[in-house]
């Protein structure tokens, strides 16, 4: 059924759409063609007067119209007209026409038969007798018994201002979503001026987009089960596919689903109905959750996207996300089970959700919770993470270090996450990560000591794996790469990180690049380059040459992780995000050339002191592209020109490739392997860890 609505124009992200009813005369009645009404009444459920009056009063309260069924005395033609009831308090009911006096003087040629109320579940039909007509108002006698006709399997809901777009092999139509139920929906559309309904084949599937204000609420392939209308406009009833939506690639290793007590709830404004909905969660993980709803009152349609949904824990902890209904299935005795996938969630909310779920299974595991920094410093020294040589490098800046760690571990900024294994306030395991570049996060500060014979090092490693398993799929995480520096002679990180890179044997999935470390002192060095040499900001031509060199030398992921392959920068730079939190993170890229020929690229990284205790985010990374024709004294002078950006006596320098340091006989202190993982290969890494160390998320 369909009635013509009031004139209204609304604008959406799909473009301005005018309601089809604007092109139809408002005074024209709607022909009612239910010739099988008598047969339907024989099977209908009888309703008493109280039920009818309560339904009419609810229609008055909500402003929803009722429909009046009339029949022409001469032509025996049935029509429906829309009316609004006054409050019902007795056997007589006064109504007024929604569209003025729709039939004018011709109304005397019609017999009033029924009022019809569509409550979404069924069509309530009540026989009536006309008592009086007064201009735009009329009074009717209500019956003692009315009927619920054609009860639906699922309730149907009227929708407002949701734009519908239909595509089928070059045919395009646009209009609005009229109503929907969990198992199907109805749209009213007009064809594009360049198309015709002659092209539309209702026996074939169609592609449907539903949305509003640049937000997509549904997009998918649907089947047509009914249509009515002419060549100008049509109403089409569609059903989404019954099979479950595979939103993400299938994985054998998934974060466990948990049934929590008390159960969390989800709350959201329904994108089609614009009404508040609250449902109880029956199980949940970091990738999604399941809820039950009544089969005849469901509001979740498979494929529907909910832009803003809140997961509420006991009314005291909330996490907002974007979610999508990916499956609906019968659950005997419990109604319908609906599964929803989390499409996006900011890192703060994701950390809280992961912490709740992780802590529910292991009370010693903590994720980005407020940490006692005194206990943290004690742990760093006690575990040997800060050893004498390292402390000698940082001791003169210990006040700056303490302030940086206060911000990181107590203010909990979105650019850094930390994972601890604790008991009674004492820390036994720790690992952290920081958003080092626009699309790359760096794992660091990995340390552990024994606790009750537990392998706390593996515990915190398991925590970060669990965390990254679903985080990498969230657009808000800005994570395409995960990176880590480790010393090649350290057997444990070499097995955990280096072992996977070697086993995968795919440099575009996971790469290893060996850097040589030298603490550089520029005192009394000349900062003037000889004639013909220049140091300037890296231009497109030098970047192109660098990419050619690195692809030949390594073929790894370094340039992608540094953002040098990123074509579309983020709306807000990482530097701005750090600055908003009172922190520092920036980098500059410089080209050292001789007679316009590229010899090396120098990347100046800056951050707060102590952000990384080895200051690998406070260093100059040097990629030498011409190892034979770059004298060390020239490169050393170029480095000296850049060290003024640092407030340190010794600036860490990382050289690549090692061949340059070796051939020039440059003294160095140690070496670091830079491990970079493309998160699209995260599943392979989880499989490797499970197989190698019998450890799963």
Foldseek 3Di string as FASTA:
>chain_A
DDDQDDWDWDAFPVGTDGAPSVVPDNLDFAFDDPPCVVVQQVVWDKDFPVVVLVLLQVCQVVVNWKWWWKAFQPPRTITIFTWRWDRDDDQKTKIFGPRFPSPPPSCVRIFTAWIWDQPQFFIKTWGWHWDDDDGRMTMIGTDRMITTGDGDQAGKAAFPDKKKWKDDPHWIWIHHWGIATQFKTKTKTFTDPVHWCVPDDLQDWIWMFIGGHPDTFFTAIWHWDDKDDDGGMIMTMIGGDQDFDPPDDDFPFAFDKDADVVFKKKWAQQRGHRHIDIFTWGIDDLFWTKTADASHHDDAHARTKGQWMWTGDPNPDIFIFIKGWGHWDQDPPGHIMTIITTQAGAQVRSQVRLQVVVCVVPVQKGKLAAADVVLVVVQCVVQCVCPPVLCVQCVVVVVLQVVVVCLCRHVPASQKMKMFGDDPRHTFWIKMWGLQAQQEIEIADGTGDDDPNDPRSVVRVLSVLNSLVCLCSHPNSSYQKYKYKDFCVPPPVCCLFVVLCVVVVDQAFKFKAKKFKAFDACPPAALDADPQKDKAFDDPVNLVLVVVLCCVVTVHCVCVSNVVPPDDGDPDGPQRSQVVSVWGWDKTWMFIDGNPHTFKIKIAADIRANPHSVCPNHAIEMEGSHLPPDQPSNVSSNVSVPCVVDPHRIGMYIYPDVVSCVVNVPDTDGMIMMMMGRCVCSSVSQVSCCVVVVRGD
